Amino acid sequence: MTMQQMSPRELSDWLNDPGRPKPILLDVREPWEFDVCHIRGARPMPMRSVPARYLELDKEVETVVICHHGARSFQVAMFLARLGFSRVINLSGGMAGWAHEVDPGMPTY
């Protein structure tokens, strides 16, 4: 199974495109990480809680999964894909990449 991925710049362009429906931004980092920095509109759902909470998500809506560097989000995206989420995308580089490529003023850790 191949996982669709996108760069922080690609996600930024998508979010800034008024003609394109916005994806669900699923942030799977721990609460303390989300408190330090996050993309506006992101929905926190720590990785450990996803197996119990994935039914809260809509399989039909494009979902971009986000973590610190892209590893945890990749695992969650694969998990969701195995459950029938066909429109799931991993944010490669995660929040560290977002801070580097899109928002240099964002706090990092």
PDB file of N, CA and C in Angstrom:
ATOM      1  N   MET A   1       0.851  -1.187   0.000  1.00  0.00           N
ATOM      2  CA  MET A   1       0.000   0.000   0.000  1.00  0.00           C
ATOM      3  C   MET A   1       0.892   1.245   0.000  1.00  0.00           C
ATOM      4  N   THR A   2       0.690   2.114  -0.943  1.00  0.00           N
ATOM      5  CA  THR A   2       1.453   3.352  -1.036  1.00  0.00           C
ATOM      6  C   THR A   2       0.672   4.467  -0.349  1.00  0.00           C
ATOM      7  N   MET A   3       1.363   5.214   0.494  1.00  0.00           N
ATOM      8  CA  MET A   3       0.709   6.303   1.216  1.00  0.00           C
ATOM      9  C   MET A   3       0.939   7.609   0.481  1.00  0.00           C
ATOM     10  N   GLN A   4      -0.143   8.334   0.250  1.00  0.00           N
ATOM     11  CA  GLN A   4      -0.024   9.655  -0.369  1.00  0.00           C
ATOM     12  C   GLN A   4       0.597  10.606   0.646  1.00  0.00           C
ATOM     13  N   GLN A   5       1.533  11.434   0.178  1.00  0.00           N
ATOM     14  CA  GLN A   5       2.186  12.394   1.052  1.00  0.00           C
ATOM     15  C   GLN A   5       2.179  13.760   0.376  1.00  0.00           C
ATOM     16  N   MET A   6       2.310  14.787   1.188  1.00  0.00           N
ATOM     17  CA  MET A   6       2.456  16.135   0.644  1.00  0.00           C
ATOM     18  C   MET A   6       3.407  16.918   1.531  1.00  0.00           C
ATOM     19  N   SER A   7       4.026  17.909   0.921  1.00  0.00           N
ATOM     20  CA  SER A   7       4.971  18.755   1.651  1.00  0.00           C
ATOM     21  C   SER A   7       4.220  19.852   2.393  1.00  0.00           C
ATOM     22  N   PRO A   8       4.866  20.460   3.375  1.00  0.00           N
ATOM     23  CA  PRO A   8       4.246  21.591   4.047  1.00  0.00           C
ATOM     24  C   PRO A   8       3.858  22.711   3.068  1.00  0.00           C
ATOM     25  N   ARG A   9       4.688  22.986   2.086  1.00  0.00           N
ATOM     26  CA  ARG A   9       4.389  24.041   1.108  1.00  0.00           C
ATOM     27  C   ARG A   9       3.126  23.687   0.316  1.00  0.00           C
ATOM     28  N   GLU A  10       3.003  22.424  -0.094  1.00  0.00           N
ATOM     29  CA  GLU A  10       1.804  21.991  -0.824  1.00  0.00           C
ATOM     30  C   GLU A  10       0.554  22.142   0.036  1.00  0.00           C
ATOM     31  N   LEU A  11       0.657  21.790   1.326  1.00  0.00           N
ATOM     32  CA  LEU A  11      -0.496  21.945   2.217  1.00  0.00           C
ATOM     33  C   LEU A  11      -0.840  23.418   2.394  1.00  0.00           C
ATOM     34  N   SER A  12       0.159  24.256   2.548  1.00  0.00           N
ATOM     35  CA  SER A  12      -0.081  25.689   2.691  1.00  0.00           C
ATOM     36  C   SER A  12      -0.802  26.243   1.465  1.00  0.00           C
ATOM     37  N   ASP A  13      -0.345  25.842   0.284  1.00  0.00           N
ATOM     38  CA  ASP A  13      -0.994  26.300  -0.946  1.00  0.00           C
ATOM     39  C   ASP A  13      -2.452  25.845  -0.988  1.00  0.00           C
ATOM     40  N   TRP A  14      -2.703  24.615  -0.557  1.00  0.00           N
ATOM     41  CA  TRP A  14      -4.059  24.079  -0.533  1.00  0.00           C
ATOM     42  C   TRP A  14      -4.940  24.888   0.420  1.00  0.00           C
ATOM     43  N   LEU A  15      -4.421  25.116   1.630  1.00  0.00           N
ATOM     44  CA  LEU A  15      -5.211  25.842   2.631  1.00  0.00           C
ATOM     45  C   LEU A  15      -5.488  27.281   2.207  1.00  0.00           C
ATOM     46  N   ASN A  16      -4.621  27.842   1.387  1.00  0.00           N
ATOM     47  CA  ASN A  16      -4.792  29.221   0.929  1.00  0.00           C
ATOM     48  C   ASN A  16      -5.559  29.339  -0.382  1.00  0.00           C
ATOM     49  N   ASP A  17      -6.016  28.211  -0.909  1.00  0.00           N
ATOM     50  CA  ASP A  17      -6.771  28.209  -2.162  1.00  0.00           C
ATOM     51  C   ASP A  17      -8.267  28.291  -1.859  1.00  0.00           C
ATOM     52  N   PRO A  18      -8.887  29.460  -2.085  1.00  0.00           N
ATOM     53  CA  PRO A  18     -10.298  29.616  -1.741  1.00  0.00           C
ATOM     54  C   PRO A  18     -11.235  28.747  -2.576  1.00  0.00           C
ATOM     55  N   GLY A  19     -10.761  28.231  -3.691  1.00  0.00           N
ATOM     56  CA  GLY A  19     -11.608  27.421  -4.550  1.00  0.00           C
ATOM     57  C   GLY A  19     -11.543  25.931  -4.256  1.00  0.00           C
ATOM     58  N   ARG A  20     -10.771  25.561  -3.256  1.00  0.00           N
ATOM     59  CA  ARG A  20     -10.606  24.136  -2.956  1.00  0.00           C
ATOM     60  C   ARG A  20     -11.130  23.837  -1.560  1.00  0.00           C
ATOM     61  N   PRO A  21     -11.984  22.811  -1.408  1.00  0.00           N
ATOM     62  CA  PRO A  21     -12.480  22.460  -0.074  1.00  0.00           C
ATOM     63  C   PRO A  21     -11.324  22.131   0.863  1.00  0.00           C
ATOM     64  N   LYS A  22     -11.434  22.581   2.096  1.00  0.00           N
ATOM     65  CA  LYS A  22     -10.374  22.368   3.077  1.00  0.00           C
ATOM     66  C   LYS A  22     -10.397  20.926   3.597  1.00  0.00           C
ATOM     67  N   PRO A  23      -9.222  20.359   3.824  1.00  0.00           N
ATOM     68  CA  PRO A  23      -9.154  19.015   4.393  1.00  0.00           C
ATOM     69  C   PRO A  23      -9.341  19.067   5.909  1.00  0.00           C
ATOM     70  N   ILE A  24      -9.575  17.910   6.482  1.00  0.00           N
ATOM     71  CA  ILE A  24      -9.467  17.771   7.931  1.00  0.00           C
ATOM     72  C   ILE A  24      -7.971  17.748   8.223  1.00  0.00           C
ATOM     73  N   LEU A  25      -7.534  18.532   9.167  1.00  0.00           N
ATOM     74  CA  LEU A  25      -6.136  18.527   9.601  1.00  0.00           C
ATOM     75  C   LEU A  25      -6.101  17.748  10.912  1.00  0.00           C
ATOM     76  N   LEU A  26      -5.642  16.526  10.862  1.00  0.00           N
ATOM     77  CA  LEU A  26      -5.641  15.640  12.025  1.00  0.00           C
ATOM     78  C   LEU A  26      -4.248  15.628  12.640  1.00  0.00           C
ATOM     79  N   ASP A  27      -4.103  16.290  13.778  1.00  0.00           N
ATOM     80  CA  ASP A  27      -2.811  16.400  14.465  1.00  0.00           C
ATOM     81  C   ASP A  27      -2.733  15.300  15.513  1.00  0.00           C
ATOM     82  N   VAL A  28      -1.802  14.353  15.317  1.00  0.00           N
ATOM     83  CA  VAL A  28      -1.732  13.179  16.184  1.00  0.00           C
ATOM     84  C   VAL A  28      -0.623  13.275  17.236  1.00  0.00           C
ATOM     85  N   ARG A  29      -0.105  14.483  17.436  1.00  0.00           N
ATOM     86  CA  ARG A  29       0.922  14.669  18.465  1.00  0.00           C
ATOM     87  C   ARG A  29       0.289  14.691  19.856  1.00  0.00           C
ATOM     88  N   GLU A  30       1.136  14.669  20.855  1.00  0.00           N
ATOM     89  CA  GLU A  30       0.676  14.733  22.239  1.00  0.00           C
ATOM     90  C   GLU A  30       0.141  16.142  22.548  1.00  0.00           C
ATOM     91  N   PRO A  31      -0.749  16.251  23.547  1.00  0.00           N
ATOM     92  CA  PRO A  31      -1.329  17.563  23.863  1.00  0.00           C
ATOM     93  C   PRO A  31      -0.287  18.652  24.121  1.00  0.00           C
ATOM     94  N   TRP A  32       0.797  18.324  24.815  1.00  0.00           N
ATOM     95  CA  TRP A  32       1.808  19.352  25.092  1.00  0.00           C
ATOM     96  C   TRP A  32       2.447  19.844  23.798  1.00  0.00           C
ATOM     97  N   GLU A  33       2.616  18.951  22.812  1.00  0.00           N
ATOM     98  CA  GLU A  33       3.194  19.349  21.528  1.00  0.00           C
ATOM     99  C   GLU A  33       2.235  20.278  20.781  1.00  0.00           C
ATOM    100  N   PHE A  34       0.958  19.920  20.792  1.00  0.00           N
ATOM    101  CA  PHE A  34      -0.062  20.736  20.139  1.00  0.00           C
ATOM    102  C   PHE A  34      -0.111  22.124  20.772  1.00  0.00           C
ATOM    103  N   ASP A  35       0.070  22.181  22.113  1.00  0.00           N
ATOM    104  CA  ASP A  35       0.051  23.473  22.816  1.00  0.00           C
ATOM    105  C   ASP A  35       1.214  24.368  22.396  1.00  0.00           C
ATOM    106  N   VAL A  36       2.357  23.773  22.066  1.00  0.00           N
ATOM    107  CA  VAL A  36       3.526  24.557  21.652  1.00  0.00           C
ATOM    108  C   VAL A  36       3.282  25.208  20.290  1.00  0.00           C
ATOM    109  N   CYS A  37       2.753  24.435  19.351  1.00  0.00           N
ATOM    110  CA  CYS A  37       2.505  24.950  18.009  1.00  0.00           C
ATOM    111  C   CYS A  37       1.556  24.022  17.276  1.00  0.00           C
ATOM    112  N   HIS A  38       0.774  24.590  16.411  1.00  0.00           N
ATOM    113  CA  HIS A  38      -0.097  23.795  15.540  1.00  0.00           C
ATOM    114  C   HIS A  38      -0.575  24.667  14.391  1.00  0.00           C
ATOM    115  N   ILE A  39      -1.097  24.009  13.367  1.00  0.00           N
ATOM    116  CA  ILE A  39      -1.666  24.715  12.229  1.00  0.00           C
ATOM    117  C   ILE A  39      -3.086  25.101  12.614  1.00  0.00           C
ATOM    118  N   ARG A  40      -3.430  26.353  12.373  1.00  0.00           N
ATOM    119  CA  ARG A  40      -4.765  26.823  12.737  1.00  0.00           C
ATOM    120  C   ARG A  40      -5.829  25.933  12.096  1.00  0.00           C
ATOM    121  N   GLY A  41      -6.790  25.526  12.895  1.00  0.00           N
ATOM    122  CA  GLY A  41      -7.865  24.674  12.410  1.00  0.00           C
ATOM    123  C   GLY A  41      -7.592  23.191  12.568  1.00  0.00           C
ATOM    124  N   ALA A  42      -6.380  22.844  13.001  1.00  0.00           N
ATOM    125  CA  ALA A  42      -6.053  21.429  13.184  1.00  0.00           C
ATOM    126  C   ALA A  42      -6.845  20.839  14.338  1.00  0.00           C
ATOM    127  N   ARG A  43      -7.170  19.575  14.176  1.00  0.00           N
ATOM    128  CA  ARG A  43      -7.941  18.850  15.181  1.00  0.00           C
ATOM    129  C   ARG A  43      -6.995  17.929  15.946  1.00  0.00           C
ATOM    130  N   PRO A  44      -6.826  18.140  17.251  1.00  0.00           N
ATOM    131  CA  PRO A  44      -5.932  17.256  18.006  1.00  0.00           C
ATOM    132  C   PRO A  44      -6.577  15.892  18.281  1.00  0.00           C
ATOM    133  N   MET A  45      -5.815  14.842  18.008  1.00  0.00           N
ATOM    134  CA  MET A  45      -6.228  13.476  18.333  1.00  0.00           C
ATOM    135  C   MET A  45      -4.941  12.684  18.521  1.00  0.00           C
ATOM    136  N   PRO A  46      -4.398  12.662  19.745  1.00  0.00           N
ATOM    137  CA  PRO A  46      -3.121  11.985  19.975  1.00  0.00           C
ATOM    138  C   PRO A  46      -3.124  10.562  19.395  1.00  0.00           C
ATOM    139  N   MET A  47      -1.979  10.178  18.861  1.00  0.00           N
ATOM    140  CA  MET A  47      -1.840   8.890  18.177  1.00  0.00           C
ATOM    141  C   MET A  47      -2.442   7.744  18.989  1.00  0.00           C
ATOM    142  N   ARG A  48      -2.153   7.698  20.273  1.00  0.00           N
ATOM    143  CA  ARG A  48      -2.625   6.590  21.101  1.00  0.00           C
ATOM    144  C   ARG A  48      -4.145   6.522  21.185  1.00  0.00           C
ATOM    145  N   SER A  49      -4.831   7.644  20.907  1.00  0.00           N
ATOM    146  CA  SER A  49      -6.287   7.669  21.011  1.00  0.00           C
ATOM    147  C   SER A  49      -6.994   7.345  19.689  1.00  0.00           C
ATOM    148  N   VAL A  50      -6.252   7.309  18.590  1.00  0.00           N
ATOM    149  CA  VAL A  50      -6.870   7.116  17.273  1.00  0.00           C
ATOM    150  C   VAL A  50      -7.649   5.802  17.169  1.00  0.00           C
ATOM    151  N   PRO A  51      -7.111   4.651  17.645  1.00  0.00           N
ATOM    152  CA  PRO A  51      -7.887   3.418  17.518  1.00  0.00           C
ATOM    153  C   PRO A  51      -9.267   3.487  18.189  1.00  0.00           C
ATOM    154  N   ALA A  52      -9.376   4.252  19.256  1.00  0.00           N
ATOM    155  CA  ALA A  52     -10.662   4.381  19.944  1.00  0.00           C
ATOM    156  C   ALA A  52     -11.529   5.501  19.381  1.00  0.00           C
ATOM    157  N   ARG A  53     -10.923   6.422  18.613  1.00  0.00           N
ATOM    158  CA  ARG A  53     -11.661   7.613  18.179  1.00  0.00           C
ATOM    159  C   ARG A  53     -11.823   7.767  16.670  1.00  0.00           C
ATOM    160  N   TYR A  54     -11.270   6.846  15.883  1.00  0.00           N
ATOM    161  CA  TYR A  54     -11.282   7.051  14.435  1.00  0.00           C
ATOM    162  C   TYR A  54     -12.695   7.179  13.862  1.00  0.00           C
ATOM    163  N   LEU A  55     -13.698   6.640  14.538  1.00  0.00           N
ATOM    164  CA  LEU A  55     -15.070   6.754  14.039  1.00  0.00           C
ATOM    165  C   LEU A  55     -15.576   8.197  14.074  1.00  0.00           C
ATOM    166  N   GLU A  56     -14.867   9.078  14.769  1.00  0.00           N
ATOM    167  CA  GLU A  56     -15.220  10.506  14.786  1.00  0.00           C
ATOM    168  C   GLU A  56     -14.862  11.174  13.458  1.00  0.00           C
ATOM    169  N   LEU A  57     -14.067  10.497  12.637  1.00  0.00           N
ATOM    170  CA  LEU A  57     -13.590  11.064  11.372  1.00  0.00           C
ATOM    171  C   LEU A  57     -14.492  10.634  10.218  1.00  0.00           C
ATOM    172  N   ASP A  58     -14.528  11.444   9.185  1.00  0.00           N
ATOM    173  CA  ASP A  58     -15.332  11.166   8.005  1.00  0.00           C
ATOM    174  C   ASP A  58     -14.438  10.566   6.920  1.00  0.00           C
ATOM    175  N   LYS A  59     -14.705   9.319   6.546  1.00  0.00           N
ATOM    176  CA  LYS A  59     -13.902   8.626   5.539  1.00  0.00           C
ATOM    177  C   LYS A  59     -13.954   9.311   4.178  1.00  0.00           C
ATOM    178  N   GLU A  60     -14.972  10.120   3.943  1.00  0.00           N
ATOM    179  CA  GLU A  60     -15.175  10.733   2.629  1.00  0.00           C
ATOM    180  C   GLU A  60     -14.474  12.083   2.471  1.00  0.00           C
ATOM    181  N   VAL A  61     -13.957  12.626   3.566  1.00  0.00           N
ATOM    182  CA  VAL A  61     -13.316  13.947   3.523  1.00  0.00           C
ATOM    183  C   VAL A  61     -11.799  13.762   3.500  1.00  0.00           C
ATOM    184  N   GLU A  62     -11.134  14.508   2.621  1.00  0.00           N
ATOM    185  CA  GLU A  62      -9.679  14.436   2.589  1.00  0.00           C
ATOM    186  C   GLU A  62      -9.127  14.814   3.962  1.00  0.00           C
ATOM    187  N   THR A  63      -8.212  13.979   4.449  1.00  0.00           N
ATOM    188  CA  THR A  63      -7.653  14.151   5.785  1.00  0.00           C
ATOM    189  C   THR A  63      -6.145  14.172   5.687  1.00  0.00           C
ATOM    190  N   VAL A  64      -5.539  15.246   6.190  1.00  0.00           N
ATOM    191  CA  VAL A  64      -4.084  15.355   6.243  1.00  0.00           C
ATOM    192  C   VAL A  64      -3.665  15.069   7.676  1.00  0.00           C
ATOM    193  N   VAL A  65      -2.828  14.049   7.858  1.00  0.00           N
ATOM    194  CA  VAL A  65      -2.384  13.642   9.187  1.00  0.00           C
ATOM    195  C   VAL A  65      -1.037  14.300   9.468  1.00  0.00           C
ATOM    196  N   ILE A  66      -0.930  14.880  10.678  1.00  0.00           N
ATOM    197  CA  ILE A  66       0.212  15.722  11.037  1.00  0.00           C
ATOM    198  C   ILE A  66       0.835  15.254  12.351  1.00  0.00           C
ATOM    199  N   CYS A  67       2.172  15.240  12.405  1.00  0.00           N
ATOM    200  CA  CYS A  67       2.886  15.026  13.668  1.00  0.00           C
ATOM    201  C   CYS A  67       4.117  15.934  13.673  1.00  0.00           C
ATOM    202  N   HIS A  68       5.127  15.598  14.455  1.00  0.00           N
ATOM    203  CA  HIS A  68       6.298  16.464  14.570  1.00  0.00           C
ATOM    204  C   HIS A  68       7.175  16.414  13.322  1.00  0.00           C
ATOM    205  N   HIS A  69       7.541  15.207  12.882  1.00  0.00           N
ATOM    206  CA  HIS A  69       8.419  15.071  11.715  1.00  0.00           C
ATOM    207  C   HIS A  69       7.825  14.244  10.575  1.00  0.00           C
ATOM    208  N   GLY A  70       6.711  13.580  10.811  1.00  0.00           N
ATOM    209  CA  GLY A  70       6.067  12.810   9.750  1.00  0.00           C
ATOM    210  C   GLY A  70       6.039  11.310   9.954  1.00  0.00           C
ATOM    211  N   ALA A  71       6.674  10.800  11.008  1.00  0.00           N
ATOM    212  CA  ALA A  71       6.713   9.349  11.228  1.00  0.00           C
ATOM    213  C   ALA A  71       5.428   8.845  11.893  1.00  0.00           C
ATOM    214  N   ARG A  72       5.039   9.469  13.001  1.00  0.00           N
ATOM    215  CA  ARG A  72       3.798   9.051  13.668  1.00  0.00           C
ATOM    216  C   ARG A  72       2.603   9.253  12.753  1.00  0.00           C
ATOM    217  N   SER A  73       2.581  10.379  12.056  1.00  0.00           N
ATOM    218  CA  SER A  73       1.454  10.648  11.159  1.00  0.00           C
ATOM    219  C   SER A  73       1.403   9.628  10.030  1.00  0.00           C
ATOM    220  N   PHE A  74       2.558   9.178   9.551  1.00  0.00           N
ATOM    221  CA  PHE A  74       2.588   8.150   8.516  1.00  0.00           C
ATOM    222  C   PHE A  74       1.954   6.867   9.039  1.00  0.00           C
ATOM    223  N   GLN A  75       2.294   6.480  10.267  1.00  0.00           N
ATOM    224  CA  GLN A  75       1.723   5.266  10.867  1.00  0.00           C
ATOM    225  C   GLN A  75       0.211   5.402  11.020  1.00  0.00           C
ATOM    226  N   VAL A  76      -0.249   6.555  11.487  1.00  0.00           N
ATOM    227  CA  VAL A  76      -1.690   6.765  11.658  1.00  0.00           C
ATOM    228  C   VAL A  76      -2.381   6.767  10.298  1.00  0.00           C
ATOM    229  N   ALA A  77      -1.783   7.399   9.314  1.00  0.00           N
ATOM    230  CA  ALA A  77      -2.372   7.425   7.973  1.00  0.00           C
ATOM    231  C   ALA A  77      -2.498   6.010   7.416  1.00  0.00           C
ATOM    232  N   MET A  78      -1.491   5.187   7.609  1.00  0.00           N
ATOM    233  CA  MET A  78      -1.556   3.790   7.150  1.00  0.00           C
ATOM    234  C   MET A  78      -2.654   3.034   7.894  1.00  0.00           C
ATOM    235  N   PHE A  79      -2.770   3.255   9.187  1.00  0.00           N
ATOM    236  CA  PHE A  79      -3.822   2.630   9.992  1.00  0.00           C
ATOM    237  C   PHE A  79      -5.195   3.012   9.446  1.00  0.00           C
ATOM    238  N   LEU A  80      -5.395   4.307   9.196  1.00  0.00           N
ATOM    239  CA  LEU A  80      -6.680   4.770   8.669  1.00  0.00           C
ATOM    240  C   LEU A  80      -6.943   4.195   7.283  1.00  0.00           C
ATOM    241  N   ALA A  81      -5.924   4.134   6.450  1.00  0.00           N
ATOM    242  CA  ALA A  81      -6.083   3.576   5.103  1.00  0.00           C
ATOM    243  C   ALA A  81      -6.526   2.118   5.173  1.00  0.00           C
ATOM    244  N   ARG A  82      -5.957   1.363   6.104  1.00  0.00           N
ATOM    245  CA  ARG A  82      -6.361  -0.042   6.259  1.00  0.00           C
ATOM    246  C   ARG A  82      -7.814  -0.160   6.720  1.00  0.00           C
ATOM    247  N   LEU A  83      -8.337   0.888   7.342  1.00  0.00           N
ATOM    248  CA  LEU A  83      -9.733   0.891   7.796  1.00  0.00           C
ATOM    249  C   LEU A  83     -10.687   1.441   6.740  1.00  0.00           C
ATOM    250  N   GLY A  84     -10.162   1.717   5.558  1.00  0.00           N
ATOM    251  CA  GLY A  84     -11.025   2.166   4.473  1.00  0.00           C
ATOM    252  C   GLY A  84     -11.035   3.655   4.208  1.00  0.00           C
ATOM    253  N   PHE A  85     -10.152   4.401   4.859  1.00  0.00           N
ATOM    254  CA  PHE A  85     -10.026   5.834   4.577  1.00  0.00           C
ATOM    255  C   PHE A  85      -9.180   5.958   3.312  1.00  0.00           C
ATOM    256  N   SER A  86      -9.822   6.281   2.199  1.00  0.00           N
ATOM    257  CA  SER A  86      -9.099   6.323   0.928  1.00  0.00           C
ATOM    258  C   SER A  86      -8.566   7.708   0.598  1.00  0.00           C
ATOM    259  N   ARG A  87      -8.923   8.702   1.399  1.00  0.00           N
ATOM    260  CA  ARG A  87      -8.518  10.080   1.095  1.00  0.00           C
ATOM    261  C   ARG A  87      -7.642  10.638   2.214  1.00  0.00           C
ATOM    262  N   VAL A  88      -6.681   9.842   2.647  1.00  0.00           N
ATOM    263  CA  VAL A  88      -5.797  10.231   3.741  1.00  0.00           C
ATOM    264  C   VAL A  88      -4.409  10.528   3.188  1.00  0.00           C
ATOM    265  N   ILE A  89      -3.804  11.598   3.711  1.00  0.00           N
ATOM    266  CA  ILE A  89      -2.514  12.095   3.220  1.00  0.00           C
ATOM    267  C   ILE A  89      -1.618  12.365   4.427  1.00  0.00           C
ATOM    268  N   ASN A  90      -0.373  11.950   4.337  1.00  0.00           N
ATOM    269  CA  ASN A  90       0.601  12.236   5.383  1.00  0.00           C
ATOM    270  C   ASN A  90       1.324  13.551   5.075  1.00  0.00           C
ATOM    271  N   LEU A  91       1.481  14.401   6.092  1.00  0.00           N
ATOM    272  CA  LEU A  91       2.267  15.629   5.928  1.00  0.00           C
ATOM    273  C   LEU A  91       3.733  15.277   6.137  1.00  0.00           C
ATOM    274  N   SER A  92       4.488  15.154   5.043  1.00  0.00           N
ATOM    275  CA  SER A  92       5.908  14.815   5.156  1.00  0.00           C
ATOM    276  C   SER A  92       6.646  15.990   5.793  1.00  0.00           C
ATOM    277  N   GLY A  93       7.515  15.682   6.720  1.00  0.00           N
ATOM    278  CA  GLY A  93       8.249  16.732   7.424  1.00  0.00           C
ATOM    279  C   GLY A  93       7.530  17.270   8.642  1.00  0.00           C
ATOM    280  N   GLY A  94       6.232  17.004   8.739  1.00  0.00           N
ATOM    281  CA  GLY A  94       5.452  17.382   9.912  1.00  0.00           C
ATOM    282  C   GLY A  94       5.519  18.853  10.280  1.00  0.00           C
ATOM    283  N   MET A  95       5.306  19.117  11.552  1.00  0.00           N
ATOM    284  CA  MET A  95       5.304  20.495  12.036  1.00  0.00           C
ATOM    285  C   MET A  95       6.686  21.124  11.964  1.00  0.00           C
ATOM    286  N   ALA A  96       7.728  20.311  12.091  1.00  0.00           N
ATOM    287  CA  ALA A  96       9.083  20.859  11.952  1.00  0.00           C
ATOM    288  C   ALA A  96       9.266  21.395  10.535  1.00  0.00           C
ATOM    289  N   GLY A  97       8.797  20.644   9.545  1.00  0.00           N
ATOM    290  CA  GLY A  97       8.871  21.096   8.156  1.00  0.00           C
ATOM    291  C   GLY A  97       8.008  22.313   7.909  1.00  0.00           C
ATOM    292  N   TRP A  98       6.819  22.339   8.529  1.00  0.00           N
ATOM    293  CA  TRP A  98       5.916  23.492   8.384  1.00  0.00           C
ATOM    294  C   TRP A  98       6.606  24.752   8.912  1.00  0.00           C
ATOM    295  N   ALA A  99       7.223  24.650  10.096  1.00  0.00           N
ATOM    296  CA  ALA A  99       7.906  25.807  10.679  1.00  0.00           C
ATOM    297  C   ALA A  99       9.066  26.243   9.787  1.00  0.00           C
ATOM    298  N   HIS A 100       9.759  25.305   9.207  1.00  0.00           N
ATOM    299  CA  HIS A 100      10.919  25.620   8.356  1.00  0.00           C
ATOM    300  C   HIS A 100      10.499  26.208   7.006  1.00  0.00           C
ATOM    301  N   GLU A 101       9.491  25.589   6.362  1.00  0.00           N
ATOM    302  CA  GLU A 101       9.124  25.965   4.995  1.00  0.00           C
ATOM    303  C   GLU A 101       8.040  27.033   4.903  1.00  0.00           C
ATOM    304  N   VAL A 102       7.125  27.054   5.862  1.00  0.00           N
ATOM    305  CA  VAL A 102       5.929  27.893   5.728  1.00  0.00           C
ATOM    306  C   VAL A 102       5.869  29.021   6.739  1.00  0.00           C
ATOM    307  N   ASP A 103       6.161  28.716   8.006  1.00  0.00           N
ATOM    308  CA  ASP A 103       5.967  29.691   9.078  1.00  0.00           C
ATOM    309  C   ASP A 103       7.202  29.749   9.984  1.00  0.00           C
ATOM    310  N   PRO A 104       8.283  30.425   9.524  1.00  0.00           N
ATOM    311  CA  PRO A 104       9.521  30.476  10.298  1.00  0.00           C
ATOM    312  C   PRO A 104       9.370  31.086  11.682  1.00  0.00           C
ATOM    313  N   GLY A 105       8.317  31.859  11.915  1.00  0.00           N
ATOM    314  CA  GLY A 105       8.104  32.451  13.232  1.00  0.00           C
ATOM    315  C   GLY A 105       7.416  31.530  14.224  1.00  0.00           C
ATOM    316  N   MET A 106       7.012  30.369  13.763  1.00  0.00           N
ATOM    317  CA  MET A 106       6.299  29.417  14.631  1.00  0.00           C
ATOM    318  C   MET A 106       7.238  28.867  15.695  1.00  0.00           C
ATOM    319  N   PRO A 107       6.766  28.760  16.946  1.00  0.00           N
ATOM    320  CA  PRO A 107       7.591  28.125  17.977  1.00  0.00           C
ATOM    321  C   PRO A 107       7.902  26.684  17.598  1.00  0.00           C
ATOM    322  N   THR A 108       9.085  26.219  17.937  1.00  0.00           N
ATOM    323  CA  THR A 108       9.468  24.832  17.661  1.00  0.00           C
ATOM    324  C   THR A 108       9.966  24.185  18.945  1.00  0.00           C
ATOM    325  N   TYR A 109      10.145  22.906  18.883  1.00  0.00           N
ATOM    326  CA  TYR A 109      10.637  22.149  20.042  1.00  0.00           C
ATOM    327  C   TYR A 109      11.499  21.012  19.565  1.00  0.00           C
TER     328      TYR A 109
END
